[in-house]
Amino acid sequence: YATYIKLVQELLDGKEVVRKGMTEEIDRCVEAYEQALQGK
């Protein structure tokens, strides 16, 4: 969630960051699975 990303921003240098909205919880889960399927 975008607010969570802001809270740890200083730890994210060099990372691919995917921000999702408040009502997109399932989208976050699906995105995590799809990224993991790519070996990440």
PDB file of all heavy atoms in Angstrom:
ATOM      1  N   TYR A   1       0.864  -1.182   0.000  1.00  0.00           N
ATOM      2  CA  TYR A   1       0.000   0.000   0.000  1.00  0.00           C
ATOM      3  C   TYR A   1       0.899   1.231   0.000  1.00  0.00           C
ATOM      4  O   TYR A   1       1.954   1.249   0.649  1.00  0.00           O
ATOM      5  CB  TYR A   1      -0.898  -0.081   1.232  1.00  0.00           C
ATOM      6  CG  TYR A   1      -1.755   1.119   1.518  1.00  0.00           C
ATOM      7  CD1 TYR A   1      -2.519   1.729   0.540  1.00  0.00           C
ATOM      8  CD2 TYR A   1      -1.828   1.620   2.816  1.00  0.00           C
ATOM      9  CE1 TYR A   1      -3.319   2.825   0.836  1.00  0.00           C
ATOM     10  CE2 TYR A   1      -2.620   2.701   3.131  1.00  0.00           C
ATOM     11  CZ  TYR A   1      -3.367   3.307   2.129  1.00  0.00           C
ATOM     12  OH  TYR A   1      -4.142   4.389   2.423  1.00  0.00           O
ATOM     13  N   ALA A   2       0.500   2.265  -0.710  1.00  0.00           N
ATOM     14  CA  ALA A   2       1.362   3.430  -0.909  1.00  0.00           C
ATOM     15  C   ALA A   2       1.852   4.020   0.410  1.00  0.00           C
ATOM     16  O   ALA A   2       3.018   4.424   0.523  1.00  0.00           O
ATOM     17  CB  ALA A   2       0.617   4.478  -1.727  1.00  0.00           C
ATOM     18  N   THR A   3       0.992   4.079   1.427  1.00  0.00           N
ATOM     19  CA  THR A   3       1.404   4.630   2.725  1.00  0.00           C
ATOM     20  C   THR A   3       2.497   3.779   3.360  1.00  0.00           C
ATOM     21  O   THR A   3       3.435   4.301   3.964  1.00  0.00           O
ATOM     22  CB  THR A   3       0.194   4.724   3.668  1.00  0.00           C
ATOM     23  OG1 THR A   3      -0.763   5.630   3.105  1.00  0.00           O
ATOM     24  CG2 THR A   3       0.604   5.228   5.041  1.00  0.00           C
ATOM     25  N   TYR A   4       2.395   2.460   3.227  1.00  0.00           N
ATOM     26  CA  TYR A   4       3.421   1.575   3.774  1.00  0.00           C
ATOM     27  C   TYR A   4       4.751   1.780   3.065  1.00  0.00           C
ATOM     28  O   TYR A   4       5.819   1.754   3.686  1.00  0.00           O
ATOM     29  CB  TYR A   4       3.002   0.109   3.653  1.00  0.00           C
ATOM     30  CG  TYR A   4       1.696  -0.244   4.324  1.00  0.00           C
ATOM     31  CD1 TYR A   4       0.964  -1.352   3.914  1.00  0.00           C
ATOM     32  CD2 TYR A   4       1.185   0.516   5.375  1.00  0.00           C
ATOM     33  CE1 TYR A   4      -0.227  -1.702   4.519  1.00  0.00           C
ATOM     34  CE2 TYR A   4      -0.007   0.178   5.991  1.00  0.00           C
ATOM     35  CZ  TYR A   4      -0.717  -0.929   5.555  1.00  0.00           C
ATOM     36  OH  TYR A   4      -1.900  -1.267   6.161  1.00  0.00           O
ATOM     37  N   ILE A   5       4.688   1.972   1.766  1.00  0.00           N
ATOM     38  CA  ILE A   5       5.911   2.196   0.986  1.00  0.00           C
ATOM     39  C   ILE A   5       6.638   3.435   1.489  1.00  0.00           C
ATOM     40  O   ILE A   5       7.867   3.447   1.656  1.00  0.00           O
ATOM     41  CB  ILE A   5       5.581   2.328  -0.508  1.00  0.00           C
ATOM     42  CG1 ILE A   5       5.016   1.021  -1.075  1.00  0.00           C
ATOM     43  CG2 ILE A   5       6.806   2.786  -1.293  1.00  0.00           C
ATOM     44  CD1 ILE A   5       5.992  -0.126  -1.110  1.00  0.00           C
ATOM     45  N   LYS A   6       5.875   4.496   1.795  1.00  0.00           N
ATOM     46  CA  LYS A   6       6.486   5.728   2.286  1.00  0.00           C
ATOM     47  C   LYS A   6       7.210   5.513   3.608  1.00  0.00           C
ATOM     48  O   LYS A   6       8.248   6.117   3.867  1.00  0.00           O
ATOM     49  CB  LYS A   6       5.428   6.820   2.448  1.00  0.00           C
ATOM     50  CG  LYS A   6       4.865   7.359   1.145  1.00  0.00           C
ATOM     51  CD  LYS A   6       3.809   8.430   1.427  1.00  0.00           C
ATOM     52  CE  LYS A   6       3.188   8.948   0.130  1.00  0.00           C
ATOM     53  NZ  LYS A   6       2.122   9.958   0.409  1.00  0.00           N
ATOM     54  N   LEU A   7       6.661   4.633   4.454  1.00  0.00           N
ATOM     55  CA  LEU A   7       7.232   4.425   5.780  1.00  0.00           C
ATOM     56  C   LEU A   7       8.586   3.713   5.749  1.00  0.00           C
ATOM     57  O   LEU A   7       9.355   3.800   6.709  1.00  0.00           O
ATOM     58  CB  LEU A   7       6.254   3.638   6.659  1.00  0.00           C
ATOM     59  CG  LEU A   7       4.973   4.382   7.062  1.00  0.00           C
ATOM     60  CD1 LEU A   7       3.990   3.428   7.741  1.00  0.00           C
ATOM     61  CD2 LEU A   7       5.285   5.551   7.979  1.00  0.00           C
ATOM     62  N   VAL A   8       8.866   3.013   4.656  1.00  0.00           N
ATOM     63  CA  VAL A   8      10.150   2.298   4.553  1.00  0.00           C
ATOM     64  C   VAL A   8      10.942   2.762   3.332  1.00  0.00           C
ATOM     65  O   VAL A   8      11.806   2.040   2.837  1.00  0.00           O
ATOM     66  CB  VAL A   8       9.917   0.765   4.500  1.00  0.00           C
ATOM     67  CG1 VAL A   8       9.299   0.265   5.795  1.00  0.00           C
ATOM     68  CG2 VAL A   8       9.046   0.383   3.311  1.00  0.00           C
ATOM     69  N   GLN A   9      10.677   3.967   2.890  1.00  0.00           N
ATOM     70  CA  GLN A   9      11.267   4.471   1.643  1.00  0.00           C
ATOM     71  C   GLN A   9      12.789   4.400   1.651  1.00  0.00           C
ATOM     72  O   GLN A   9      13.424   4.077   0.639  1.00  0.00           O
ATOM     73  CB  GLN A   9      10.813   5.917   1.398  1.00  0.00           C
ATOM     74  CG  GLN A   9      11.162   6.467   0.014  1.00  0.00           C
ATOM     75  CD  GLN A   9      10.406   5.766  -1.095  1.00  0.00           C
ATOM     76  OE1 GLN A   9       9.187   5.685  -1.072  1.00  0.00           O
ATOM     77  NE2 GLN A   9      11.131   5.238  -2.074  1.00  0.00           N
ATOM     78  N   GLU A  10      13.402   4.658   2.806  1.00  0.00           N
ATOM     79  CA  GLU A  10      14.864   4.701   2.860  1.00  0.00           C
ATOM     80  C   GLU A  10      15.488   3.322   2.665  1.00  0.00           C
ATOM     81  O   GLU A  10      16.714   3.214   2.464  1.00  0.00           O
ATOM     82  CB  GLU A  10      15.326   5.289   4.199  1.00  0.00           C
ATOM     83  CG  GLU A  10      15.138   4.406   5.417  1.00  0.00           C
ATOM     84  CD  GLU A  10      13.737   4.461   5.996  1.00  0.00           C
ATOM     85  OE1 GLU A  10      12.855   5.095   5.367  1.00  0.00           O
ATOM     86  OE2 GLU A  10      13.517   3.868   7.074  1.00  0.00           O
ATOM     87  N   LEU A  11      14.681   2.263   2.685  1.00  0.00           N
ATOM     88  CA  LEU A  11      15.203   0.909   2.512  1.00  0.00           C
ATOM     89  C   LEU A  11      15.013   0.374   1.096  1.00  0.00           C
ATOM     90  O   LEU A  11      15.357  -0.785   0.828  1.00  0.00           O
ATOM     91  CB  LEU A  11      14.511  -0.048   3.500  1.00  0.00           C
ATOM     92  CG  LEU A  11      14.592   0.302   4.989  1.00  0.00           C
ATOM     93  CD1 LEU A  11      13.808  -0.712   5.821  1.00  0.00           C
ATOM     94  CD2 LEU A  11      16.042   0.345   5.443  1.00  0.00           C
ATOM     95  N   LEU A  12      14.496   1.202   0.203  1.00  0.00           N
ATOM     96  CA  LEU A  12      14.055   0.704  -1.098  1.00  0.00           C
ATOM     97  C   LEU A  12      14.959   1.072  -2.261  1.00  0.00           C
ATOM     98  O   LEU A  12      14.602   0.824  -3.420  1.00  0.00           O
ATOM     99  CB  LEU A  12      12.627   1.195  -1.386  1.00  0.00           C
ATOM    100  CG  LEU A  12      11.566   0.826  -0.332  1.00  0.00           C
ATOM    101  CD1 LEU A  12      10.198   1.330  -0.750  1.00  0.00           C
ATOM    102  CD2 LEU A  12      11.536  -0.685  -0.116  1.00  0.00           C
ATOM    103  N   ASP A  13      16.098   1.645  -2.013  1.00  0.00           N
ATOM    104  CA  ASP A  13      16.993   2.009  -3.116  1.00  0.00           C
ATOM    105  C   ASP A  13      17.358   0.775  -3.940  1.00  0.00           C
ATOM    106  O   ASP A  13      17.763  -0.262  -3.400  1.00  0.00           O
ATOM    107  CB  ASP A  13      18.277   2.653  -2.582  1.00  0.00           C
ATOM    108  CG  ASP A  13      18.037   4.054  -2.035  1.00  0.00           C
ATOM    109  OD1 ASP A  13      16.950   4.605  -2.303  1.00  0.00           O
ATOM    110  OD2 ASP A  13      18.918   4.566  -1.331  1.00  0.00           O
ATOM    111  N   GLY A  14      17.205   0.909  -5.242  1.00  0.00           N
ATOM    112  CA  GLY A  14      17.560  -0.176  -6.146  1.00  0.00           C
ATOM    113  C   GLY A  14      16.517  -1.267  -6.268  1.00  0.00           C
ATOM    114  O   GLY A  14      16.729  -2.252  -6.989  1.00  0.00           O
ATOM    115  N   LYS A  15      15.388  -1.117  -5.586  1.00  0.00           N
ATOM    116  CA  LYS A  15      14.331  -2.127  -5.635  1.00  0.00           C
ATOM    117  C   LYS A  15      13.286  -1.769  -6.685  1.00  0.00           C
ATOM    118  O   LYS A  15      13.036  -0.588  -6.958  1.00  0.00           O
ATOM    119  CB  LYS A  15      13.616  -2.258  -4.286  1.00  0.00           C
ATOM    120  CG  LYS A  15      14.521  -2.419  -3.071  1.00  0.00           C
ATOM    121  CD  LYS A  15      15.161  -3.776  -3.036  1.00  0.00           C
ATOM    122  CE  LYS A  15      15.990  -3.937  -1.783  1.00  0.00           C
ATOM    123  NZ  LYS A  15      16.751  -5.220  -1.789  1.00  0.00           N
ATOM    124  N   GLU A  16      12.671  -2.785  -7.251  1.00  0.00           N
ATOM    125  CA  GLU A  16      11.462  -2.564  -8.037  1.00  0.00           C
ATOM    126  C   GLU A  16      10.317  -2.408  -7.039  1.00  0.00           C
ATOM    127  O   GLU A  16      10.118  -3.275  -6.190  1.00  0.00           O
ATOM    128  CB  GLU A  16      11.203  -3.740  -8.968  1.00  0.00           C
ATOM    129  CG  GLU A  16       9.939  -3.578  -9.811  1.00  0.00           C
ATOM    130  CD  GLU A  16       9.648  -4.794 -10.680  1.00  0.00           C
ATOM    131  OE1 GLU A  16      10.510  -5.683 -10.796  1.00  0.00           O
ATOM    132  OE2 GLU A  16       8.524  -4.850 -11.230  1.00  0.00           O
ATOM    133  N   VAL A  17       9.608  -1.312  -7.122  1.00  0.00           N
ATOM    134  CA  VAL A  17       8.557  -1.017  -6.150  1.00  0.00           C
ATOM    135  C   VAL A  17       7.204  -1.017  -6.852  1.00  0.00           C
ATOM    136  O   VAL A  17       7.022  -0.355  -7.875  1.00  0.00           O
ATOM    137  CB  VAL A  17       8.800   0.339  -5.461  1.00  0.00           C
ATOM    138  CG1 VAL A  17       7.662   0.659  -4.486  1.00  0.00           C
ATOM    139  CG2 VAL A  17      10.138   0.330  -4.714  1.00  0.00           C
ATOM    140  N   VAL A  18       6.253  -1.756  -6.298  1.00  0.00           N
ATOM    141  CA  VAL A  18       4.891  -1.822  -6.824  1.00  0.00           C
ATOM    142  C   VAL A  18       3.955  -1.278  -5.762  1.00  0.00           C
ATOM    143  O   VAL A  18       3.809  -1.868  -4.689  1.00  0.00           O
ATOM    144  CB  VAL A  18       4.497  -3.257  -7.204  1.00  0.00           C
ATOM    145  CG1 VAL A  18       3.056  -3.283  -7.731  1.00  0.00           C
ATOM    146  CG2 VAL A  18       5.458  -3.834  -8.230  1.00  0.00           C
ATOM    147  N   ARG A  19       3.341  -0.128  -6.055  1.00  0.00           N
ATOM    148  CA  ARG A  19       2.406   0.498  -5.113  1.00  0.00           C
ATOM    149  C   ARG A  19       0.977   0.124  -5.489  1.00  0.00           C
ATOM    150  O   ARG A  19       0.598   0.180  -6.660  1.00  0.00           O
ATOM    151  CB  ARG A  19       2.567   2.024  -5.133  1.00  0.00           C
ATOM    152  CG  ARG A  19       3.916   2.509  -4.640  1.00  0.00           C
ATOM    153  CD  ARG A  19       4.059   4.005  -4.877  1.00  0.00           C
ATOM    154  NE  ARG A  19       5.302   4.527  -4.299  1.00  0.00           N
ATOM    155  CZ  ARG A  19       6.491   4.462  -4.891  1.00  0.00           C
ATOM    156  NH1 ARG A  19       6.586   3.897  -6.093  1.00  0.00           N
ATOM    157  NH2 ARG A  19       7.566   4.949  -4.309  1.00  0.00           N
ATOM    158  N   LYS A  20       0.184  -0.206  -4.479  1.00  0.00           N
ATOM    159  CA  LYS A  20      -1.219  -0.547  -4.717  1.00  0.00           C
ATOM    160  C   LYS A  20      -2.092   0.280  -3.777  1.00  0.00           C
ATOM    161  O   LYS A  20      -1.656   0.719  -2.712  1.00  0.00           O
ATOM    162  CB  LYS A  20      -1.461  -2.031  -4.451  1.00  0.00           C
ATOM    163  CG  LYS A  20      -0.760  -2.971  -5.429  1.00  0.00           C
ATOM    164  CD  LYS A  20      -1.425  -2.977  -6.792  1.00  0.00           C
ATOM    165  CE  LYS A  20      -0.779  -4.001  -7.712  1.00  0.00           C
ATOM    166  NZ  LYS A  20      -1.475  -4.075  -9.017  1.00  0.00           N
ATOM    167  N   GLY A  21      -3.352   0.467  -4.161  1.00  0.00           N
ATOM    168  CA  GLY A  21      -4.270   1.277  -3.373  1.00  0.00           C
ATOM    169  C   GLY A  21      -4.879   0.514  -2.211  1.00  0.00           C
ATOM    170  O   GLY A  21      -4.690  -0.697  -2.045  1.00  0.00           O
ATOM    171  N   MET A  22      -5.678   1.231  -1.413  1.00  0.00           N
ATOM    172  CA  MET A  22      -6.271   0.687  -0.199  1.00  0.00           C
ATOM    173  C   MET A  22      -7.171  -0.514  -0.468  1.00  0.00           C
ATOM    174  O   MET A  22      -7.208  -1.465   0.301  1.00  0.00           O
ATOM    175  CB  MET A  22      -7.058   1.780   0.525  1.00  0.00           C
ATOM    176  CG  MET A  22      -7.809   1.310   1.755  1.00  0.00           C
ATOM    177  SD  MET A  22      -6.748   0.660   3.061  1.00  0.00           S
ATOM    178  CE  MET A  22      -6.184   2.178   3.802  1.00  0.00           C
ATOM    179  N   THR A  23      -7.916  -0.506  -1.552  1.00  0.00           N
ATOM    180  CA  THR A  23      -8.869  -1.588  -1.821  1.00  0.00           C
ATOM    181  C   THR A  23      -8.310  -2.647  -2.763  1.00  0.00           C
ATOM    182  O   THR A  23      -9.061  -3.466  -3.278  1.00  0.00           O
ATOM    183  CB  THR A  23     -10.166  -1.011  -2.416  1.00  0.00           C
ATOM    184  OG1 THR A  23      -9.852  -0.336  -3.645  1.00  0.00           O
ATOM    185  CG2 THR A  23     -10.821  -0.057  -1.450  1.00  0.00           C
ATOM    186  N   GLU A  24      -7.019  -2.651  -2.977  1.00  0.00           N
ATOM    187  CA  GLU A  24      -6.416  -3.571  -3.946  1.00  0.00           C
ATOM    188  C   GLU A  24      -5.606  -4.664  -3.250  1.00  0.00           C
ATOM    189  O   GLU A  24      -4.538  -5.061  -3.724  1.00  0.00           O
ATOM    190  CB  GLU A  24      -5.528  -2.788  -4.914  1.00  0.00           C
ATOM    191  CG  GLU A  24      -6.295  -1.758  -5.735  1.00  0.00           C
ATOM    192  CD  GLU A  24      -5.391  -0.922  -6.640  1.00  0.00           C
ATOM    193  OE1 GLU A  24      -4.367  -0.408  -6.147  1.00  0.00           O
ATOM    194  OE2 GLU A  24      -5.724  -0.796  -7.835  1.00  0.00           O
ATOM    195  N   GLU A  25      -6.124  -5.167  -2.143  1.00  0.00           N
ATOM    196  CA  GLU A  25      -5.394  -6.172  -1.377  1.00  0.00           C
ATOM    197  C   GLU A  25      -5.157  -7.450  -2.189  1.00  0.00           C
ATOM    198  O   GLU A  25      -4.051  -7.988  -2.202  1.00  0.00           O
ATOM    199  CB  GLU A  25      -6.150  -6.508  -0.082  1.00  0.00           C
ATOM    200  CG  GLU A  25      -6.123  -5.419   0.976  1.00  0.00           C
ATOM    201  CD  GLU A  25      -7.199  -4.361   0.752  1.00  0.00           C
ATOM    202  OE1 GLU A  25      -7.997  -4.521  -0.194  1.00  0.00           O
ATOM    203  OE2 GLU A  25      -7.237  -3.406   1.535  1.00  0.00           O
ATOM    204  N   ILE A  26      -6.190  -7.940  -2.842  1.00  0.00           N
ATOM    205  CA  ILE A  26      -6.039  -9.174  -3.613  1.00  0.00           C
ATOM    206  C   ILE A  26      -5.087  -8.951  -4.782  1.00  0.00           C
ATOM    207  O   ILE A  26      -4.297  -9.844  -5.131  1.00  0.00           O
ATOM    208  CB  ILE A  26      -7.399  -9.691  -4.104  1.00  0.00           C
ATOM    209  CG1 ILE A  26      -8.323  -9.953  -2.899  1.00  0.00           C
ATOM    210  CG2 ILE A  26      -7.237 -10.958  -4.926  1.00  0.00           C
ATOM    211  CD1 ILE A  26      -7.779 -10.948  -1.903  1.00  0.00           C
ATOM    212  N   ASP A  27      -5.129  -7.761  -5.372  1.00  0.00           N
ATOM    213  CA  ASP A  27      -4.192  -7.452  -6.464  1.00  0.00           C
ATOM    214  C   ASP A  27      -2.750  -7.553  -5.977  1.00  0.00           C
ATOM    215  O   ASP A  27      -1.864  -8.000  -6.711  1.00  0.00           O
ATOM    216  CB  ASP A  27      -4.457  -6.046  -7.013  1.00  0.00           C
ATOM    217  CG  ASP A  27      -5.762  -5.944  -7.778  1.00  0.00           C
ATOM    218  OD1 ASP A  27      -6.282  -7.000  -8.165  1.00  0.00           O
ATOM    219  OD2 ASP A  27      -6.254  -4.827  -7.979  1.00  0.00           O
ATOM    220  N   ARG A  28      -2.499  -7.112  -4.739  1.00  0.00           N
ATOM    221  CA  ARG A  28      -1.150  -7.215  -4.196  1.00  0.00           C
ATOM    222  C   ARG A  28      -0.720  -8.670  -4.077  1.00  0.00           C
ATOM    223  O   ARG A  28       0.422  -9.031  -4.391  1.00  0.00           O
ATOM    224  CB  ARG A  28      -1.087  -6.555  -2.812  1.00  0.00           C
ATOM    225  CG  ARG A  28      -1.130  -5.050  -2.831  1.00  0.00           C
ATOM    226  CD  ARG A  28      -1.055  -4.507  -1.405  1.00  0.00           C
ATOM    227  NE  ARG A  28      -2.249  -3.734  -1.080  1.00  0.00           N
ATOM    228  CZ  ARG A  28      -2.576  -3.318   0.128  1.00  0.00           C
ATOM    229  NH1 ARG A  28      -1.799  -3.625   1.150  1.00  0.00           N
ATOM    230  NH2 ARG A  28      -3.666  -2.626   0.336  1.00  0.00           N
ATOM    231  N   CYS A  29      -1.630  -9.519  -3.625  1.00  0.00           N
ATOM    232  CA  CYS A  29      -1.315 -10.946  -3.478  1.00  0.00           C
ATOM    233  C   CYS A  29      -1.031 -11.580  -4.835  1.00  0.00           C
ATOM    234  O   CYS A  29      -0.059 -12.342  -4.979  1.00  0.00           O
ATOM    235  CB  CYS A  29      -2.474 -11.674  -2.808  1.00  0.00           C
ATOM    236  SG  CYS A  29      -2.966 -11.013  -1.214  1.00  0.00           S
ATOM    237  N   VAL A  30      -1.871 -11.292  -5.808  1.00  0.00           N
ATOM    238  CA  VAL A  30      -1.682 -11.854  -7.152  1.00  0.00           C
ATOM    239  C   VAL A  30      -0.368 -11.370  -7.746  1.00  0.00           C
ATOM    240  O   VAL A  30       0.390 -12.147  -8.353  1.00  0.00           O
ATOM    241  CB  VAL A  30      -2.876 -11.480  -8.062  1.00  0.00           C
ATOM    242  CG1 VAL A  30      -2.602 -11.894  -9.498  1.00  0.00           C
ATOM    243  CG2 VAL A  30      -4.157 -12.131  -7.542  1.00  0.00           C
ATOM    244  N   GLU A  31      -0.080 -10.079  -7.571  1.00  0.00           N
ATOM    245  CA  GLU A  31       1.171  -9.519  -8.091  1.00  0.00           C
ATOM    246  C   GLU A  31       2.378 -10.207  -7.458  1.00  0.00           C
ATOM    247  O   GLU A  31       3.366 -10.534  -8.140  1.00  0.00           O
ATOM    248  CB  GLU A  31       1.218  -8.024  -7.802  1.00  0.00           C
ATOM    249  CG  GLU A  31       2.477  -7.316  -8.276  1.00  0.00           C
ATOM    250  CD  GLU A  31       2.506  -7.107  -9.782  1.00  0.00           C
ATOM    251  OE1 GLU A  31       1.429  -7.108 -10.407  1.00  0.00           O
ATOM    252  OE2 GLU A  31       3.621  -6.958 -10.319  1.00  0.00           O
ATOM    253  N   ALA A  32       2.321 -10.448  -6.145  1.00  0.00           N
ATOM    254  CA  ALA A  32       3.431 -11.122  -5.471  1.00  0.00           C
ATOM    255  C   ALA A  32       3.643 -12.520  -6.031  1.00  0.00           C
ATOM    256  O   ALA A  32       4.793 -12.945  -6.266  1.00  0.00           O
ATOM    257  CB  ALA A  32       3.159 -11.185  -3.971  1.00  0.00           C
ATOM    258  N   TYR A  33       2.562 -13.239  -6.268  1.00  0.00           N
ATOM    259  CA  TYR A  33       2.676 -14.596  -6.802  1.00  0.00           C
ATOM    260  C   TYR A  33       3.240 -14.582  -8.217  1.00  0.00           C
ATOM    261  O   TYR A  33       4.141 -15.378  -8.556  1.00  0.00           O
ATOM    262  CB  TYR A  33       1.305 -15.265  -6.770  1.00  0.00           C
ATOM    263  CG  TYR A  33       1.305 -16.712  -7.203  1.00  0.00           C
ATOM    264  CD1 TYR A  33       2.276 -17.607  -6.735  1.00  0.00           C
ATOM    265  CD2 TYR A  33       0.328 -17.198  -8.062  1.00  0.00           C
ATOM    266  CE1 TYR A  33       2.267 -18.935  -7.125  1.00  0.00           C
ATOM    267  CE2 TYR A  33       0.310 -18.533  -8.460  1.00  0.00           C
ATOM    268  CZ  TYR A  33       1.290 -19.394  -7.989  1.00  0.00           C
ATOM    269  OH  TYR A  33       1.282 -20.706  -8.388  1.00  0.00           O
ATOM    270  N   GLU A  34       2.743 -13.677  -9.042  1.00  0.00           N
ATOM    271  CA  GLU A  34       3.222 -13.611 -10.424  1.00  0.00           C
ATOM    272  C   GLU A  34       4.697 -13.247 -10.491  1.00  0.00           C
ATOM    273  O   GLU A  34       5.456 -13.791 -11.307  1.00  0.00           O
ATOM    274  CB  GLU A  34       2.376 -12.605 -11.211  1.00  0.00           C
ATOM    275  CG  GLU A  34       0.940 -13.081 -11.440  1.00  0.00           C
ATOM    276  CD  GLU A  34       0.097 -12.051 -12.169  1.00  0.00           C
ATOM    277  OE1 GLU A  34       0.543 -10.882 -12.280  1.00  0.00           O
ATOM    278  OE2 GLU A  34      -1.015 -12.403 -12.624  1.00  0.00           O
ATOM    279  N   GLN A  35       5.135 -12.336  -9.628  1.00  0.00           N
ATOM    280  CA  GLN A  35       6.551 -11.953  -9.596  1.00  0.00           C
ATOM    281  C   GLN A  35       7.409 -13.133  -9.109  1.00  0.00           C
ATOM    282  O   GLN A  35       8.509 -13.379  -9.621  1.00  0.00           O
ATOM    283  CB  GLN A  35       6.755 -10.752  -8.677  1.00  0.00           C
ATOM    284  CG  GLN A  35       6.080  -9.463  -9.147  1.00  0.00           C
ATOM    285  CD  GLN A  35       6.935  -8.688 -10.146  1.00  0.00           C
ATOM    286  OE1 GLN A  35       7.983  -9.142 -10.585  1.00  0.00           O
ATOM    287  NE2 GLN A  35       6.462  -7.509 -10.522  1.00  0.00           N
ATOM    288  N   ALA A  36       6.896 -13.876  -8.131  1.00  0.00           N
ATOM    289  CA  ALA A  36       7.646 -15.025  -7.625  1.00  0.00           C
ATOM    290  C   ALA A  36       7.748 -16.118  -8.679  1.00  0.00           C
ATOM    291  O   ALA A  36       8.763 -16.826  -8.758  1.00  0.00           O
ATOM    292  CB  ALA A  36       6.985 -15.559  -6.359  1.00  0.00           C
ATOM    293  N   LEU A  37       6.704 -16.277  -9.490  1.00  0.00           N
ATOM    294  CA  LEU A  37       6.748 -17.265 -10.571  1.00  0.00           C
ATOM    295  C   LEU A  37       7.851 -16.947 -11.575  1.00  0.00           C
ATOM    296  O   LEU A  37       8.335 -17.842 -12.279  1.00  0.00           O
ATOM    297  CB  LEU A  37       5.393 -17.325 -11.280  1.00  0.00           C
ATOM    298  CG  LEU A  37       4.250 -18.043 -10.533  1.00  0.00           C
ATOM    299  CD1 LEU A  37       2.939 -17.872 -11.278  1.00  0.00           C
ATOM    300  CD2 LEU A  37       4.577 -19.528 -10.343  1.00  0.00           C
ATOM    301  N   GLN A  38       8.253 -15.674 -11.640  1.00  0.00           N
ATOM    302  CA  GLN A  38       9.347 -15.264 -12.534  1.00  0.00           C
ATOM    303  C   GLN A  38      10.720 -15.471 -11.899  1.00  0.00           C
ATOM    304  O   GLN A  38      11.743 -15.079 -12.457  1.00  0.00           O
ATOM    305  CB  GLN A  38       9.170 -13.797 -12.930  1.00  0.00           C
ATOM    306  CG  GLN A  38       7.890 -13.502 -13.698  1.00  0.00           C
ATOM    307  CD  GLN A  38       7.675 -12.011 -13.927  1.00  0.00           C
ATOM    308  OE1 GLN A  38       8.642 -11.257 -14.116  1.00  0.00           O
ATOM    309  NE2 GLN A  38       6.417 -11.587 -13.924  1.00  0.00           N
ATOM    310  N   GLY A  39      10.726 -16.062 -10.708  1.00  0.00           N
ATOM    311  CA  GLY A  39      11.977 -16.341 -10.042  1.00  0.00           C
ATOM    312  C   GLY A  39      12.470 -15.230  -9.148  1.00  0.00           C
ATOM    313  O   GLY A  39      13.595 -15.293  -8.638  1.00  0.00           O
ATOM    314  N   LYS A  40      11.660 -14.227  -8.876  1.00  0.00           N
ATOM    315  CA  LYS A  40      12.077 -13.088  -8.067  1.00  0.00           C
ATOM    316  C   LYS A  40      11.772 -13.323  -6.581  1.00  0.00           C
ATOM    317  O   LYS A  40      10.869 -14.079  -6.236  1.00  0.00           O
ATOM    318  CB  LYS A  40      11.376 -11.811  -8.533  1.00  0.00           C
ATOM    319  CG  LYS A  40      11.705 -11.419  -9.970  1.00  0.00           C
ATOM    320  CD  LYS A  40      10.927 -10.177 -10.377  1.00  0.00           C
ATOM    321  CE  LYS A  40      11.217  -9.801 -11.825  1.00  0.00           C
ATOM    322  NZ  LYS A  40      10.458  -8.603 -12.258  1.00  0.00           N
TER     323      LYS A  40
END
